[in-house]
C-alpha cells in the first residue's frame, strides 16, 4: 500500500512492518485525539467546525457515516466522499479545502499539512478540524464514539449507541468480531503465505457462523436495541456476502488457494463499474455469485426474514 515517508508520498507495497511470517499485522492509527463537549477542550464540539473524509467503499468509513446519520449530525459535521477506486495518490476527492483542485485533492496532502514529517498510511475515515487545519482522529472506532456523545448538547439527540448497561456485552462481541471479521478480511487479503491466508479465512467464516447462530435466536447482538457492536459487525459482514467491493481486494473463501484468489483480482477489477454507494458491479456476474454456504443445523425451519424475528 502507498503512504507518506517524512511527508513525501510514495507508492509502495505493504510496509514490511505490516507483514510478519506471511501474516498481515495492522499498524495503529496515528491520530487519536477526541472532540469534547467541554468548551475549553483542544477540540471543542461546535457545529460546522469538523469535517469527515470518507469513502463509500470502505467499511471503516461506512460505520462513521451510519452513526453520523443515526445521531442527526448531517448539518453539524460535513463530509467529503472519495472518488471511486484508489488512484496513484491514494484516496482522492473532487474538492479539497482550497477549491477547485486540478485533478482532484489527494487526502495525503491533508496529512502532510497537519504533520509535515508524517510517515505512515493515509486512511479513511479521517476526522478533520477545519478551524485549526489539524487531523483530530483517523481511528474509526474512536470516531464513532466521538459522534455518539460529543455533539449531543448541540443536536439534542440522546440516542446512545454505547449504553452503560450493555458496554460489557458490547465489548465482548467487539473483541470477537474485530480480529475475525473486521480485521479478518484484511488478514486474508494481504496474507503472503497460504498458511496465513487459510488461518484468516477459517476464523472469518467460523465467526460468521457464530453470528448467524446467535442472530437466529436474538434480534440484536446485545440487548434489545441497535448499538455500536452491531454496527461494527454489519459494516464488514455485508460486503463479505461477496459484493465486488471486497471480492476484488480480499477474495476470502474456504478451500480457495491464495494464488487463485490473487489471480482473479485484476480480471474482476477491469470489469467493475462503480456506483454512487461505493459498491461495484460487474457484467460478468458468474465470477461474483455468492458462495452457497452449508446450512446450520435447524436452519431449514428458520424464518425467512430476520428483521421480523422477535427479540
Protein backbone atom coordinates (compact mmCIF):
# COMPACT_ATOMS: atom_id res chain seq x y z
CA UNK A 1 0.00 0.00 0.00
CA UNK A 2 1.08 3.55 -0.63
CA UNK A 3 1.76 6.12 2.06
CA UNK A 4 3.85 9.03 3.26
CA UNK A 5 7.52 8.88 4.24
CA UNK A 6 8.70 12.03 6.00
CA UNK A 7 5.82 13.91 4.43
CA UNK A 8 6.59 12.64 0.90
CA UNK A 9 4.07 10.49 -0.96
CA UNK A 10 5.39 7.15 -2.20
CA UNK A 11 3.65 4.25 -3.92
CA UNK A 12 4.90 1.04 -2.30
CA UNK A 13 3.86 -2.47 -1.39
CA UNK A 14 2.56 -3.05 2.16
CA UNK A 15 5.15 -1.85 4.66
CA UNK A 16 7.48 -4.57 5.88
CA UNK A 17 6.39 -3.98 9.47
CA UNK A 18 2.82 -4.94 8.48
CA UNK A 19 3.81 -8.44 7.36
CA UNK A 20 5.11 -10.91 9.94
CA UNK A 21 5.59 -14.52 8.91
CA UNK A 22 3.24 -14.04 5.98
CA UNK A 23 0.57 -12.57 8.25
CA UNK A 24 -0.86 -9.06 8.00
CA UNK A 25 -0.41 -7.14 11.25
CA UNK A 26 -2.34 -3.88 11.36
CA UNK A 27 -0.46 -0.77 12.41
CA UNK A 28 -2.10 1.50 14.98
CA UNK A 29 -3.85 4.64 13.75
CA UNK A 30 -1.69 7.74 14.18
CA UNK A 31 -4.22 10.43 15.17
CA UNK A 32 -6.10 9.70 18.40
CA UNK A 33 -7.47 12.98 19.76
CA UNK A 34 -11.14 13.50 20.65
CA UNK A 35 -13.82 16.13 20.32
CA UNK A 36 -15.26 17.13 23.68
CA UNK A 37 -18.42 18.97 24.77
CA UNK A 38 -16.16 20.95 27.11
CA UNK A 39 -15.76 24.46 25.59
CA UNK A 40 -12.18 24.65 26.93
CA UNK A 41 -11.07 21.42 25.22
CA UNK A 42 -8.44 21.35 22.50
CA UNK A 43 -11.18 20.22 20.11
CA UNK A 44 -14.48 21.57 21.48
CA UNK A 45 -17.76 20.43 19.96
CA UNK A 46 -19.12 23.02 17.53
CA UNK A 47 -21.44 22.89 14.55
CA UNK A 48 -19.67 23.32 11.22
CA UNK A 49 -16.16 23.05 12.63
CA UNK A 50 -15.39 19.41 11.83
CA UNK A 51 -15.23 17.58 8.51
CA UNK A 52 -15.24 13.85 7.82
CA UNK A 53 -13.26 12.43 4.89
CA UNK A 54 -14.72 9.09 3.84
CA UNK A 55 -15.04 6.57 1.00
CA UNK A 56 -18.26 4.66 0.36
CA UNK A 57 -16.27 1.51 -0.45
CA UNK A 58 -14.54 1.45 2.97
CA UNK A 59 -16.40 -0.41 5.75
CA UNK A 60 -14.50 1.51 8.45
CA UNK A 61 -15.69 4.80 6.94
CA UNK A 62 -19.21 3.45 6.35
CA UNK A 63 -19.83 2.89 10.03
CA UNK A 64 -18.93 6.51 10.81
CA UNK A 65 -21.46 7.59 8.19
CA UNK A 66 -24.08 5.33 9.79
CA UNK A 67 -23.51 6.84 13.23
CA UNK A 68 -23.46 10.37 11.79
CA UNK A 69 -26.92 9.73 10.32
CA UNK A 70 -28.33 8.00 13.40
CA UNK A 71 -27.16 10.84 15.62
CA UNK A 72 -28.60 13.55 13.35
CA UNK A 73 -25.23 15.13 12.62
CA UNK A 74 -25.64 15.75 8.89
CA UNK A 75 -25.89 19.53 9.43
CA UNK A 76 -23.20 19.57 12.12
CA UNK A 77 -20.36 17.61 10.53
CA UNK A 78 -19.77 17.97 6.78
CA UNK A 79 -18.32 15.16 4.66
CA UNK A 80 -16.28 14.61 1.53
CA UNK A 81 -16.64 11.32 -0.35
CA UNK A 82 -13.64 9.93 -2.23
CA UNK A 83 -13.73 9.27 -5.94
CA UNK A 84 -14.26 5.54 -6.69
CA UNK A 85 -11.14 3.40 -6.50
CA UNK A 86 -7.65 4.07 -5.27
CA UNK A 87 -5.53 6.02 -7.74
CA UNK A 88 -1.80 6.57 -7.78
CA UNK A 89 -2.15 9.14 -4.98
CA UNK A 90 -4.49 7.18 -2.74
CA UNK A 91 -7.89 8.47 -1.64
CA UNK A 92 -8.70 11.44 -3.88
CA UNK A 93 -11.59 13.92 -3.72
CA UNK A 94 -13.24 16.15 -6.29
CA UNK A 95 -12.72 19.13 -4.00
CA UNK A 96 -10.33 19.96 -1.19
CA UNK A 97 -10.00 22.69 1.45
CA UNK A 98 -8.98 25.01 -1.39
CA UNK A 99 -11.26 24.58 -4.41
CA UNK A 100 -11.16 23.85 -7.23
CA UNK A 101 -8.22 21.44 -7.28
CA UNK A 102 -6.98 20.37 -10.69
CA UNK A 103 -7.02 16.59 -10.97
CA UNK A 104 -8.67 16.20 -7.55
CA UNK A 105 -7.46 16.61 -3.99
CA UNK A 106 -5.47 13.67 -2.55
CA UNK A 107 -6.04 13.14 1.16
CA UNK A 108 -2.34 12.71 1.78
CA UNK A 109 -1.88 16.48 1.36
CA UNK A 110 -4.01 17.00 4.46
CA UNK A 111 -1.83 14.59 6.43
CA UNK A 112 1.38 16.26 5.28
CA UNK A 113 -0.01 19.69 6.19
CA UNK A 114 -1.05 18.52 9.66
CA UNK A 115 2.29 16.77 10.34
CA UNK A 116 4.95 17.84 7.79
CA UNK A 117 7.24 14.89 8.61
CA UNK A 118 4.44 12.33 8.83
CA UNK A 119 5.36 8.74 7.99
CA UNK A 120 2.59 6.19 7.65
CA UNK A 121 -0.60 5.28 5.85
CA UNK A 122 -3.30 7.73 4.76
CA UNK A 123 -6.65 6.25 5.67
CA UNK A 124 -10.38 6.88 5.79
CA UNK A 125 -12.29 7.81 7.81
CA UNK A 126 -10.38 10.93 8.84
CA UNK A 127 -11.98 13.48 11.15
CA UNK A 128 -10.52 16.92 10.43
CA UNK A 129 -10.76 20.25 12.24
CA UNK A 130 -11.25 22.93 9.59
CA UNK A 131 -10.54 25.72 12.10
CA UNK A 132 -7.06 24.60 13.20
CA UNK A 133 -6.48 22.57 9.99
CA UNK A 134 -5.46 19.61 12.12
CA UNK A 135 -6.48 15.98 11.97
CA UNK A 136 -8.42 15.03 15.10
CA UNK A 137 -8.68 11.28 14.64
CA UNK A 138 -8.34 8.58 11.98
CA UNK A 139 -9.39 5.58 14.08
CA UNK A 140 -12.97 4.65 13.15
CA UNK A 141 -13.83 3.01 16.48
CA UNK A 142 -12.93 6.23 18.28
CA UNK A 143 -14.63 8.47 15.72
CA UNK A 144 -17.96 6.68 16.21
CA UNK A 145 -17.53 7.08 19.97
CA UNK A 146 -17.00 10.83 19.43
CA UNK A 147 -20.08 11.06 17.22
CA UNK A 148 -22.12 9.09 19.75
CA UNK A 149 -21.95 11.70 22.52
CA UNK A 150 -19.74 14.74 21.89
CA UNK A 151 -22.37 16.73 19.96
CA UNK A 152 -25.48 15.79 21.97
CA UNK A 153 -25.61 19.26 23.51
CA UNK A 154 -25.84 20.77 20.02
CA UNK A 155 -28.29 18.37 18.38
CA UNK A 156 -30.33 17.32 21.42
CA UNK A 157 -30.15 13.77 20.06
CA UNK A 158 -29.99 11.47 23.10
CA UNK A 159 -29.74 8.16 21.24
CA UNK A 160 -26.95 6.22 22.97
CA UNK A 161 -25.27 3.57 20.83
CA UNK A 162 -22.95 2.57 23.68
CA UNK A 163 -25.22 2.39 26.74
CA UNK A 164 -23.58 1.80 30.11
CA UNK A 165 -25.77 -1.20 30.88
CA UNK A 166 -24.64 -3.05 27.73
CA UNK A 167 -21.00 -2.00 27.48
CA UNK A 168 -19.57 -5.22 28.90
CA UNK A 169 -21.53 -7.32 26.40
CA UNK A 170 -20.83 -4.94 23.51
CA UNK A 171 -17.11 -5.01 24.31
CA UNK A 172 -17.19 -8.83 24.48
CA UNK A 173 -18.71 -9.03 20.99
CA UNK A 174 -16.32 -6.43 19.63
CA UNK A 175 -13.37 -8.44 20.96
CA UNK A 176 -14.63 -11.43 18.96
CA UNK A 177 -15.73 -9.62 15.81
CA UNK A 178 -12.75 -7.31 15.29
CA UNK A 179 -9.93 -9.88 14.81
CA UNK A 180 -12.02 -12.41 12.88
CA UNK A 181 -14.27 -10.21 10.73
CA UNK A 182 -13.35 -6.51 10.77
CA UNK A 183 -9.63 -7.16 10.53
CA UNK A 184 -10.03 -10.71 9.26
CA UNK A 185 -10.84 -9.65 5.71
CA UNK A 186 -7.57 -7.69 5.60
CA UNK A 187 -5.64 -10.59 7.15
CA UNK A 188 -6.91 -12.75 4.29
CA UNK A 189 -6.44 -10.15 1.57
CA UNK A 190 -2.89 -9.15 2.50
CA UNK A 191 -1.61 -12.58 3.53
CA UNK A 192 1.59 -13.55 1.75
CA UNK A 193 1.60 -17.22 2.74
CA UNK A 194 -1.01 -19.92 2.22
CA UNK A 195 -0.98 -20.82 5.92
CA UNK A 196 -1.72 -17.23 6.95
CA UNK A 197 -4.50 -16.98 4.36
CA UNK A 198 -6.09 -20.27 5.43
CA UNK A 199 -5.95 -19.25 9.09
CA UNK A 200 -7.66 -15.90 8.43
CA UNK A 201 -10.36 -17.43 6.23
CA UNK A 202 -11.15 -20.21 8.73
CA UNK A 203 -11.55 -17.70 11.55
CA UNK A 204 -13.60 -15.37 9.36
CA UNK A 205 -16.23 -17.92 8.33
CA UNK A 206 -16.30 -19.53 11.77
CA UNK A 207 -17.18 -16.14 13.24
CA UNK A 208 -19.83 -15.53 10.58
CA UNK A 209 -21.39 -18.87 11.57
CA UNK A 210 -21.26 -17.82 15.22
CA UNK A 211 -23.03 -14.56 14.37
CA UNK A 212 -25.61 -16.41 12.27
CA UNK A 213 -26.33 -18.85 15.10
CA UNK A 214 -26.68 -16.05 17.66
CA UNK A 215 -28.89 -13.91 15.42
CA UNK A 216 -31.13 -16.91 14.70
CA UNK A 217 -32.18 -16.67 18.36
CA UNK A 218 -31.76 -12.94 19.05
CA UNK A 219 -32.64 -9.88 17.00
CA UNK A 220 -29.56 -7.96 18.19
CA UNK A 221 -26.10 -8.94 19.35
CA UNK A 222 -26.64 -7.46 22.81
CA UNK A 223 -29.82 -6.28 24.48
CA UNK A 224 -32.88 -5.16 22.57
CA UNK A 225 -31.55 -2.23 20.57
CA UNK A 226 -29.10 -1.16 17.91
CA UNK A 227 -25.62 -0.31 19.18
CA UNK A 228 -22.05 0.21 18.01
CA UNK A 229 -21.18 -3.50 18.32
CA UNK A 230 -23.81 -4.42 15.73
CA UNK A 231 -22.61 -1.59 13.51
CA UNK A 232 -19.08 -2.98 13.75
CA UNK A 233 -20.27 -6.36 12.54
CA UNK A 234 -22.75 -5.36 9.87
CA UNK A 235 -20.49 -2.91 8.01
CA UNK A 236 -17.99 -5.70 7.31
CA UNK A 237 -20.32 -8.70 7.13
CA UNK A 238 -22.45 -7.05 4.43
CA UNK A 239 -19.68 -6.66 1.85
CA UNK A 240 -18.45 -10.12 2.79
CA UNK A 241 -21.55 -11.53 1.14
CA UNK A 242 -19.25 -11.23 -1.84
CA UNK A 243 -20.09 -7.80 -3.14
CA UNK A 244 -17.44 -6.76 -5.63
CA UNK A 245 -16.11 -4.03 -3.36
CA UNK A 246 -14.30 -6.61 -1.23
CA UNK A 247 -14.10 -9.53 -3.65
CA UNK A 248 -11.57 -7.67 -5.76
CA UNK A 249 -9.33 -6.90 -2.80
CA UNK A 250 -9.71 -9.82 -0.43
CA UNK A 251 -11.39 -12.82 -2.10
CA UNK A 252 -11.98 -14.71 1.18
CA UNK A 253 -13.43 -18.16 0.68
CA UNK A 254 -12.75 -21.52 2.32
CA UNK A 255 -10.69 -24.02 0.33
CA UNK A 256 -9.55 -21.37 -2.19
CA UNK A 257 -5.86 -21.23 -2.95
CA UNK A 258 -4.14 -17.92 -2.27
CA UNK A 259 -2.59 -17.86 -5.75
CA UNK A 260 -6.02 -18.28 -7.38
CA UNK A 261 -7.52 -15.51 -5.24
CA UNK A 262 -4.80 -13.09 -6.28
CA UNK A 263 -5.00 -14.03 -9.97
CA UNK A 264 -8.73 -13.34 -10.10
CA UNK A 265 -8.49 -9.79 -8.77
CA UNK A 266 -7.15 -7.98 -11.89
CA UNK A 267 -9.80 -9.63 -14.08
CA UNK A 268 -12.62 -8.53 -11.83
CA UNK A 269 -11.26 -5.04 -11.28
CA UNK A 270 -11.07 -4.43 -15.03
CA UNK A 271 -14.75 -5.28 -15.40
CA UNK A 272 -16.02 -3.21 -12.47
CA UNK A 273 -18.25 -0.17 -12.76
CA UNK A 274 -18.55 1.82 -9.54
CA UNK A 275 -21.88 3.06 -8.28
CA UNK A 276 -22.54 6.03 -6.04
CA UNK A 277 -22.89 3.84 -2.94
CA UNK A 278 -19.27 2.75 -3.35
CA UNK A 279 -20.03 -0.87 -4.10
CA UNK A 280 -19.25 -2.00 -7.61
CA UNK A 281 -20.97 -4.26 -10.07
CA UNK A 282 -19.75 -6.39 -12.94
CA UNK A 283 -21.32 -7.52 -16.19
CA UNK A 284 -19.67 -10.90 -15.63
CA UNK A 285 -21.87 -11.95 -12.73
CA UNK A 286 -20.69 -15.53 -12.84
CA UNK A 287 -17.47 -14.69 -11.05
CA UNK A 288 -19.31 -12.87 -8.30
CA UNK A 289 -22.11 -15.20 -7.32
CA UNK A 290 -22.46 -15.52 -3.53
CA UNK A 291 -20.95 -18.69 -2.14
CA UNK A 292 -23.56 -21.28 -1.28
CA UNK A 293 -22.85 -21.91 2.38
CA UNK A 294 -23.84 -25.16 4.06
CA UNK A 295 -26.92 -24.63 6.26
CA UNK A 296 -26.53 -24.68 10.00
CA UNK A 297 -28.38 -27.39 11.86
CA UNK A 298 -32.02 -26.41 12.16
CA UNK A 299 -31.73 -23.59 9.64
CA UNK A 300 -34.40 -25.05 7.33
CA UNK A 301 -37.22 -24.02 9.66
CA UNK A 302 -35.75 -20.57 10.35
CA UNK A 303 -37.95 -17.57 9.44
CA UNK A 304 -37.01 -16.20 6.02
CA UNK A 305 -36.75 -12.57 7.14
CA UNK A 306 -34.58 -11.97 10.17
CA UNK A 307 -35.74 -8.37 10.53
CA UNK A 308 -39.16 -9.61 11.68
CA UNK A 309 -37.85 -12.14 14.20
CA UNK A 310 -38.88 -11.43 17.76
CA UNK A 311 -36.02 -10.46 20.09
